[in-house]
N, C-alpha and C. Protein backbone atom coordinates (compact mmCIF):
# COMPACT_ATOMS: atom_id res chain seq x y z
N MET A 1 36.49 17.91 25.46
CA MET A 1 36.03 16.58 25.80
C MET A 1 34.55 16.47 25.42
N PRO A 2 34.16 15.42 24.72
CA PRO A 2 32.75 15.27 24.30
C PRO A 2 31.84 15.01 25.50
N PHE A 3 30.60 15.43 25.34
CA PHE A 3 29.60 15.22 26.39
C PHE A 3 29.31 13.73 26.56
N LYS A 4 29.02 13.34 27.81
CA LYS A 4 28.51 12.01 28.10
C LYS A 4 26.99 12.08 28.03
N TYR A 5 26.37 10.94 27.86
CA TYR A 5 24.90 10.87 27.83
C TYR A 5 24.43 9.96 28.94
N ARG A 6 23.32 10.37 29.56
CA ARG A 6 22.72 9.54 30.60
C ARG A 6 21.21 9.59 30.42
N VAL A 7 20.59 8.42 30.36
CA VAL A 7 19.14 8.32 30.20
C VAL A 7 18.50 8.29 31.58
N LEU A 8 17.56 9.20 31.78
CA LEU A 8 16.83 9.27 33.04
C LEU A 8 15.57 8.41 32.95
N SER A 9 15.00 8.06 34.09
CA SER A 9 13.82 7.19 34.11
C SER A 9 12.51 7.98 34.16
N VAL A 10 12.58 9.30 34.10
CA VAL A 10 11.38 10.13 34.22
C VAL A 10 11.08 10.84 32.91
N GLU A 11 9.82 11.23 32.76
CA GLU A 11 9.37 12.02 31.62
C GLU A 11 8.80 13.33 32.14
N PRO A 12 8.71 14.34 31.31
CA PRO A 12 8.08 15.58 31.77
C PRO A 12 6.60 15.35 32.09
N ASP A 13 6.11 16.07 33.07
CA ASP A 13 4.68 16.05 33.37
C ASP A 13 3.99 17.03 32.43
N ALA A 14 2.78 16.69 31.99
CA ALA A 14 2.02 17.56 31.10
C ALA A 14 0.76 18.03 31.82
N TYR A 15 0.43 19.31 31.61
CA TYR A 15 -0.69 19.94 32.29
C TYR A 15 -1.56 20.69 31.31
N TYR A 16 -2.84 20.84 31.67
CA TYR A 16 -3.71 21.74 30.93
C TYR A 16 -3.21 23.16 31.19
N SER A 17 -3.00 23.92 30.15
CA SER A 17 -2.70 25.34 30.25
C SER A 17 -1.37 25.61 30.95
N ASP A 18 -1.21 26.86 31.36
CA ASP A 18 0.03 27.28 32.01
C ASP A 18 -0.11 27.41 33.52
N PHE A 19 -1.19 26.87 34.06
CA PHE A 19 -1.40 26.93 35.50
C PHE A 19 -0.62 25.83 36.22
N PHE A 20 -0.27 24.75 35.50
CA PHE A 20 0.50 23.64 36.05
C PHE A 20 -0.17 23.04 37.29
N GLU A 21 -1.51 22.91 37.22
CA GLU A 21 -2.26 22.31 38.33
C GLU A 21 -2.98 21.04 37.91
N ASP A 22 -3.63 21.07 36.75
CA ASP A 22 -4.44 19.93 36.30
C ASP A 22 -3.65 19.14 35.26
N LYS A 23 -3.26 17.92 35.64
CA LYS A 23 -2.48 17.09 34.72
C LYS A 23 -3.32 16.69 33.52
N LEU A 24 -2.65 16.63 32.37
CA LEU A 24 -3.31 16.23 31.13
C LEU A 24 -3.68 14.75 31.17
N GLU A 25 -4.76 14.45 30.48
CA GLU A 25 -5.14 13.06 30.24
C GLU A 25 -4.38 12.63 28.98
N ASP A 26 -4.72 11.47 28.43
CA ASP A 26 -4.04 10.99 27.22
C ASP A 26 -4.34 11.85 26.00
N GLN A 27 -5.56 12.42 25.96
CA GLN A 27 -5.95 13.24 24.81
C GLN A 27 -6.20 14.66 25.27
N VAL A 28 -5.91 15.60 24.38
CA VAL A 28 -6.21 17.00 24.67
C VAL A 28 -6.81 17.63 23.42
N GLY A 29 -7.84 18.43 23.62
CA GLY A 29 -8.51 19.09 22.51
C GLY A 29 -7.95 20.47 22.25
N PHE A 30 -8.25 20.99 21.07
CA PHE A 30 -7.73 22.29 20.65
C PHE A 30 -8.50 23.46 21.24
N ASP A 31 -9.81 23.37 21.30
CA ASP A 31 -10.63 24.52 21.65
C ASP A 31 -11.31 24.31 23.00
N PRO A 32 -10.82 24.96 24.06
CA PRO A 32 -11.42 24.76 25.37
C PRO A 32 -12.81 25.39 25.53
N THR A 33 -13.21 26.24 24.58
CA THR A 33 -14.55 26.84 24.67
C THR A 33 -15.62 26.00 23.99
N ASP A 34 -15.20 24.96 23.27
CA ASP A 34 -16.13 24.07 22.58
C ASP A 34 -16.56 22.96 23.54
N LYS A 35 -17.84 22.88 23.81
CA LYS A 35 -18.34 21.90 24.78
C LYS A 35 -18.20 20.45 24.31
N SER A 36 -17.83 20.24 23.03
CA SER A 36 -17.58 18.87 22.57
C SER A 36 -16.10 18.51 22.68
N ASN A 37 -15.31 19.34 23.31
CA ASN A 37 -13.90 19.07 23.59
C ASN A 37 -13.79 17.82 24.47
N VAL A 38 -12.77 17.01 24.25
CA VAL A 38 -12.59 15.77 25.02
C VAL A 38 -12.45 16.02 26.51
N ALA A 39 -12.01 17.20 26.90
CA ALA A 39 -11.91 17.51 28.33
C ALA A 39 -13.27 17.34 29.01
N TYR A 40 -14.32 17.68 28.27
CA TYR A 40 -15.67 17.60 28.83
C TYR A 40 -16.36 16.28 28.50
N THR A 41 -16.24 15.82 27.25
CA THR A 41 -16.97 14.64 26.81
C THR A 41 -16.34 13.33 27.27
N LEU A 42 -15.02 13.30 27.41
CA LEU A 42 -14.34 12.06 27.78
C LEU A 42 -13.85 12.07 29.23
N TYR A 43 -13.39 13.25 29.69
CA TYR A 43 -12.76 13.31 31.01
C TYR A 43 -13.59 14.05 32.06
N ASN A 44 -14.77 14.52 31.68
CA ASN A 44 -15.71 15.16 32.62
C ASN A 44 -15.11 16.33 33.39
N LYS A 45 -14.29 17.13 32.74
CA LYS A 45 -13.73 18.32 33.37
C LYS A 45 -14.81 19.39 33.46
N PRO A 46 -14.75 20.25 34.46
CA PRO A 46 -15.78 21.28 34.61
C PRO A 46 -15.59 22.40 33.58
N TYR A 47 -16.61 22.61 32.77
CA TYR A 47 -16.55 23.63 31.72
C TYR A 47 -16.29 25.02 32.31
N ALA A 48 -16.88 25.32 33.45
CA ALA A 48 -16.74 26.65 34.06
C ALA A 48 -15.28 27.02 34.29
N THR A 49 -14.45 26.04 34.57
CA THR A 49 -13.03 26.29 34.80
C THR A 49 -12.21 26.11 33.53
N PHE A 50 -12.42 25.00 32.85
CA PHE A 50 -11.54 24.63 31.75
C PHE A 50 -11.76 25.44 30.47
N GLN A 51 -12.87 26.14 30.35
CA GLN A 51 -13.09 26.95 29.15
C GLN A 51 -12.05 28.05 29.02
N TYR A 52 -11.40 28.40 30.10
CA TYR A 52 -10.40 29.48 30.08
C TYR A 52 -8.98 28.95 29.88
N TYR A 53 -8.83 27.65 29.87
CA TYR A 53 -7.51 27.07 29.67
C TYR A 53 -7.17 27.06 28.19
N GLY A 54 -5.89 27.18 27.87
CA GLY A 54 -5.47 27.11 26.48
C GLY A 54 -4.06 26.56 26.41
N GLY A 55 -3.82 25.72 25.43
CA GLY A 55 -2.50 25.11 25.31
C GLY A 55 -2.27 24.04 26.36
N PHE A 56 -1.02 23.61 26.45
CA PHE A 56 -0.66 22.68 27.52
C PHE A 56 0.75 23.00 28.00
N GLY A 57 0.99 22.70 29.26
CA GLY A 57 2.28 22.98 29.88
C GLY A 57 3.06 21.72 30.13
N LEU A 58 4.37 21.85 30.09
CA LEU A 58 5.28 20.75 30.42
C LEU A 58 6.16 21.20 31.58
N LYS A 59 6.36 20.29 32.52
CA LYS A 59 7.09 20.66 33.73
C LYS A 59 7.93 19.50 34.22
N VAL A 60 9.15 19.82 34.63
CA VAL A 60 10.05 18.84 35.24
C VAL A 60 10.62 19.46 36.51
N PRO A 61 10.37 18.86 37.68
CA PRO A 61 11.00 19.38 38.89
C PRO A 61 12.51 19.10 38.82
N VAL A 62 13.32 20.08 39.19
CA VAL A 62 14.78 19.88 39.09
C VAL A 62 15.26 18.82 40.07
N SER A 63 14.43 18.46 41.04
CA SER A 63 14.82 17.42 42.00
C SER A 63 15.03 16.06 41.34
N VAL A 64 14.50 15.86 40.13
CA VAL A 64 14.70 14.58 39.44
C VAL A 64 16.04 14.52 38.73
N LEU A 65 16.72 15.66 38.62
CA LEU A 65 18.03 15.69 37.97
C LEU A 65 19.11 15.25 38.95
N PRO A 66 20.13 14.54 38.48
CA PRO A 66 21.22 14.14 39.37
C PRO A 66 22.21 15.27 39.65
N VAL A 67 21.99 16.43 39.04
CA VAL A 67 22.86 17.60 39.25
C VAL A 67 21.99 18.82 39.55
N LYS A 68 22.57 19.79 40.21
CA LYS A 68 21.88 21.05 40.46
C LYS A 68 22.11 21.97 39.26
N PRO A 69 21.03 22.51 38.67
CA PRO A 69 21.22 23.39 37.52
C PRO A 69 22.09 24.60 37.87
N GLN A 70 22.99 24.90 36.95
CA GLN A 70 23.89 26.04 37.12
C GLN A 70 23.82 26.92 35.89
N ALA A 71 24.32 28.14 36.04
CA ALA A 71 24.31 29.09 34.93
C ALA A 71 24.93 28.47 33.69
N GLY A 72 24.23 28.60 32.57
CA GLY A 72 24.71 28.07 31.30
C GLY A 72 24.15 26.71 30.94
N ASP A 73 23.61 25.98 31.93
CA ASP A 73 22.97 24.70 31.64
C ASP A 73 21.70 24.96 30.82
N THR A 74 21.30 23.97 30.03
CA THR A 74 20.14 24.17 29.17
C THR A 74 19.15 23.01 29.27
N TRP A 75 17.88 23.37 29.05
CA TRP A 75 16.80 22.39 28.93
C TRP A 75 16.21 22.57 27.54
N GLU A 76 16.22 21.51 26.77
CA GLU A 76 15.70 21.57 25.39
C GLU A 76 14.51 20.65 25.26
N VAL A 77 13.45 21.18 24.64
CA VAL A 77 12.22 20.42 24.44
C VAL A 77 11.88 20.43 22.96
N ASP A 78 11.63 19.25 22.41
CA ASP A 78 11.22 19.10 21.01
C ASP A 78 9.91 18.34 20.98
N VAL A 79 8.90 18.96 20.38
CA VAL A 79 7.56 18.38 20.29
C VAL A 79 7.23 18.22 18.82
N GLN A 80 6.79 17.03 18.42
CA GLN A 80 6.46 16.81 17.01
C GLN A 80 5.27 15.90 16.85
N ASN A 81 4.57 16.11 15.75
CA ASN A 81 3.43 15.27 15.40
C ASN A 81 3.97 14.06 14.65
N ILE A 82 3.93 12.89 15.30
CA ILE A 82 4.49 11.69 14.67
C ILE A 82 3.45 10.97 13.81
N THR A 83 2.20 11.41 13.87
CA THR A 83 1.18 10.83 13.00
C THR A 83 1.34 11.33 11.58
N THR A 84 1.50 12.64 11.45
CA THR A 84 1.60 13.23 10.12
C THR A 84 3.01 13.13 9.56
N GLY A 85 4.00 13.17 10.43
CA GLY A 85 5.39 13.17 9.96
C GLY A 85 5.77 14.47 9.27
N ASN A 86 4.91 15.46 9.35
CA ASN A 86 5.16 16.75 8.72
C ASN A 86 6.33 17.44 9.42
N PRO A 87 7.44 17.73 8.71
CA PRO A 87 8.59 18.36 9.36
C PRO A 87 8.29 19.78 9.85
N LEU A 88 7.19 20.36 9.42
CA LEU A 88 6.82 21.70 9.88
C LEU A 88 5.92 21.65 11.12
N ALA A 89 5.42 20.46 11.45
CA ALA A 89 4.52 20.29 12.59
C ALA A 89 5.35 20.02 13.85
N VAL A 90 6.09 21.06 14.28
CA VAL A 90 6.99 20.92 15.42
C VAL A 90 6.88 22.14 16.34
N PHE A 91 7.31 21.94 17.57
CA PHE A 91 7.47 23.02 18.54
C PHE A 91 8.80 22.76 19.23
N ASN A 92 9.66 23.77 19.25
CA ASN A 92 10.97 23.64 19.90
C ASN A 92 11.12 24.72 20.96
N TYR A 93 11.77 24.37 22.04
CA TYR A 93 11.98 25.32 23.14
C TYR A 93 13.36 25.06 23.73
N LEU A 94 14.06 26.15 24.04
CA LEU A 94 15.37 26.05 24.68
C LEU A 94 15.40 27.04 25.84
N TYR A 95 15.67 26.54 27.03
CA TYR A 95 15.79 27.38 28.22
C TYR A 95 17.22 27.28 28.72
N THR A 96 17.83 28.42 28.98
CA THR A 96 19.17 28.47 29.53
C THR A 96 19.10 29.03 30.94
N VAL A 97 19.71 28.32 31.88
CA VAL A 97 19.73 28.78 33.27
C VAL A 97 20.61 30.03 33.34
N ARG A 98 20.03 31.10 33.88
CA ARG A 98 20.76 32.36 33.99
C ARG A 98 21.54 32.40 35.30
N ALA A 99 22.61 33.16 35.31
CA ALA A 99 23.40 33.35 36.52
C ALA A 99 22.53 33.98 37.60
N GLY A 100 22.70 33.52 38.83
CA GLY A 100 21.95 34.07 39.95
C GLY A 100 20.56 33.51 40.12
N THR A 101 20.18 32.54 39.32
CA THR A 101 18.86 31.92 39.46
C THR A 101 19.01 30.48 39.92
N THR A 102 18.01 30.02 40.64
CA THR A 102 17.97 28.62 41.07
C THR A 102 16.56 28.09 40.82
N PRO A 103 16.29 27.62 39.60
CA PRO A 103 14.95 27.15 39.28
C PRO A 103 14.57 25.92 40.11
N SER A 104 13.30 25.88 40.52
CA SER A 104 12.82 24.69 41.23
C SER A 104 12.20 23.70 40.25
N SER A 105 11.78 24.22 39.09
CA SER A 105 11.21 23.39 38.03
C SER A 105 11.59 23.98 36.68
N LEU A 106 11.63 23.12 35.70
CA LEU A 106 11.80 23.54 34.30
C LEU A 106 10.41 23.49 33.69
N MET A 107 9.96 24.62 33.10
CA MET A 107 8.58 24.70 32.61
C MET A 107 8.53 25.38 31.25
N VAL A 108 7.59 24.93 30.44
CA VAL A 108 7.31 25.57 29.15
C VAL A 108 5.83 25.38 28.84
N VAL A 109 5.26 26.34 28.12
CA VAL A 109 3.88 26.25 27.69
C VAL A 109 3.85 26.14 26.17
N VAL A 110 3.14 25.14 25.67
CA VAL A 110 2.88 25.00 24.24
C VAL A 110 1.51 25.65 24.04
N GLY A 111 1.51 26.87 23.54
CA GLY A 111 0.28 27.64 23.40
C GLY A 111 -0.62 27.13 22.29
N MET A 112 -1.80 27.70 22.23
CA MET A 112 -2.78 27.27 21.23
C MET A 112 -2.30 27.46 19.80
N PRO A 113 -1.60 28.56 19.47
CA PRO A 113 -1.08 28.66 18.10
C PRO A 113 -0.10 27.52 17.76
N SER A 114 0.74 27.14 18.73
CA SER A 114 1.67 26.04 18.50
C SER A 114 0.95 24.71 18.39
N MET A 115 -0.14 24.54 19.16
CA MET A 115 -0.94 23.32 19.05
C MET A 115 -1.53 23.20 17.65
N ARG A 116 -2.00 24.32 17.11
CA ARG A 116 -2.56 24.30 15.75
C ARG A 116 -1.47 23.96 14.73
N THR A 117 -0.25 24.44 14.96
CA THR A 117 0.87 24.09 14.07
C THR A 117 1.15 22.60 14.13
N LEU A 118 1.11 22.03 15.32
CA LEU A 118 1.34 20.59 15.46
C LEU A 118 0.24 19.80 14.77
N GLY A 119 -1.00 20.24 14.92
CA GLY A 119 -2.13 19.57 14.28
C GLY A 119 -2.57 18.32 15.02
N PRO A 120 -3.75 17.79 14.65
CA PRO A 120 -4.27 16.58 15.30
C PRO A 120 -3.36 15.38 15.04
N GLY A 121 -3.26 14.53 16.04
CA GLY A 121 -2.47 13.31 15.90
C GLY A 121 -1.71 12.98 17.17
N ASP A 122 -0.87 11.96 17.06
CA ASP A 122 -0.03 11.54 18.18
C ASP A 122 1.17 12.48 18.26
N ILE A 123 1.37 13.03 19.44
CA ILE A 123 2.41 14.01 19.66
C ILE A 123 3.48 13.40 20.56
N GLU A 124 4.72 13.46 20.09
CA GLU A 124 5.83 12.96 20.89
C GLU A 124 6.63 14.12 21.43
N ILE A 125 6.96 14.04 22.72
CA ILE A 125 7.70 15.09 23.40
C ILE A 125 9.03 14.51 23.87
N ASN A 126 10.11 15.07 23.35
CA ASN A 126 11.46 14.65 23.75
C ASN A 126 12.14 15.84 24.41
N SER A 127 12.90 15.56 25.46
CA SER A 127 13.60 16.65 26.13
C SER A 127 14.91 16.17 26.73
N THR A 128 15.83 17.12 26.82
CA THR A 128 17.15 16.85 27.39
C THR A 128 17.55 17.99 28.32
N PHE A 129 18.40 17.69 29.27
CA PHE A 129 19.00 18.70 30.11
C PHE A 129 20.51 18.56 29.97
N THR A 130 21.15 19.65 29.59
CA THR A 130 22.60 19.63 29.41
C THR A 130 23.27 20.34 30.57
N SER A 131 24.10 19.60 31.30
CA SER A 131 24.87 20.15 32.41
C SER A 131 26.30 20.39 31.95
N ILE A 132 26.67 21.65 31.95
CA ILE A 132 28.04 22.00 31.54
C ILE A 132 29.03 21.49 32.58
N SER A 133 28.73 21.69 33.88
CA SER A 133 29.67 21.29 34.93
C SER A 133 29.89 19.78 34.99
N ALA A 134 28.84 19.01 34.71
CA ALA A 134 28.96 17.54 34.72
C ALA A 134 29.38 17.00 33.36
N ASN A 135 29.43 17.88 32.36
CA ASN A 135 29.78 17.49 31.00
C ASN A 135 28.88 16.33 30.53
N THR A 136 27.58 16.47 30.84
CA THR A 136 26.63 15.38 30.57
C THR A 136 25.33 15.93 30.01
N ILE A 137 24.79 15.20 29.05
CA ILE A 137 23.45 15.47 28.53
C ILE A 137 22.54 14.39 29.10
N TYR A 138 21.54 14.84 29.85
CA TYR A 138 20.57 13.93 30.46
C TYR A 138 19.34 13.86 29.58
N LEU A 139 18.97 12.65 29.18
CA LEU A 139 17.82 12.45 28.30
C LEU A 139 16.63 11.97 29.13
N PHE A 140 15.52 12.72 29.04
CA PHE A 140 14.29 12.30 29.70
C PHE A 140 13.59 11.27 28.83
N GLN A 141 12.76 10.45 29.45
CA GLN A 141 11.95 9.50 28.69
C GLN A 141 10.99 10.29 27.80
N PRO A 142 10.73 9.81 26.58
CA PRO A 142 9.77 10.51 25.73
C PRO A 142 8.36 10.42 26.32
N LYS A 143 7.59 11.44 26.06
CA LYS A 143 6.20 11.48 26.50
C LYS A 143 5.32 11.59 25.27
N GLN A 144 4.15 10.96 25.29
CA GLN A 144 3.22 11.06 24.17
C GLN A 144 1.85 11.49 24.67
N ILE A 145 1.24 12.36 23.89
CA ILE A 145 -0.16 12.75 24.09
C ILE A 145 -0.82 12.74 22.71
N THR A 146 -2.12 12.84 22.68
CA THR A 146 -2.83 12.88 21.41
C THR A 146 -3.63 14.18 21.35
N LEU A 147 -3.41 14.96 20.28
CA LEU A 147 -4.19 16.15 20.06
C LEU A 147 -5.38 15.78 19.18
N VAL A 148 -6.57 16.17 19.64
CA VAL A 148 -7.79 15.85 18.90
C VAL A 148 -8.64 17.10 18.74
N ALA A 149 -9.42 17.14 17.66
CA ALA A 149 -10.34 18.25 17.43
C ALA A 149 -11.65 17.93 18.14
N PRO A 150 -12.38 18.86 18.66
CA PRO A 150 -12.07 20.31 18.65
C PRO A 150 -11.14 20.69 19.74
């Protein structure tokens, strides 16, 4: 039987680094050690803390899903630079729920090397959660951020 599709009203939350504490603003810079980074010049983030951050994290609490994740279910994340349209400027992630685990959140980190691969521009983040037991693919709302130099 083919999967059903259901569009959810939520998008993944985006955070500075893998600490999942400080939510991203609309723009994120590549180099957290550069004092001309937008985190400092535009958003007034404290350099003493943010200089150690790298990459950005994406997180979805499982409470937003209409089903409880079970073994074999998957969360897929596709990140692409829609400014350049470069088919190589992508980041893909696939997480499979393992037997005996009960995740409270779905999380992934787009590290600094992957940010450099994406390059400066408007970044679109698409993600889905596939529930085997519900025979349904849940589509999250797309999220956009802008990567800027430095």
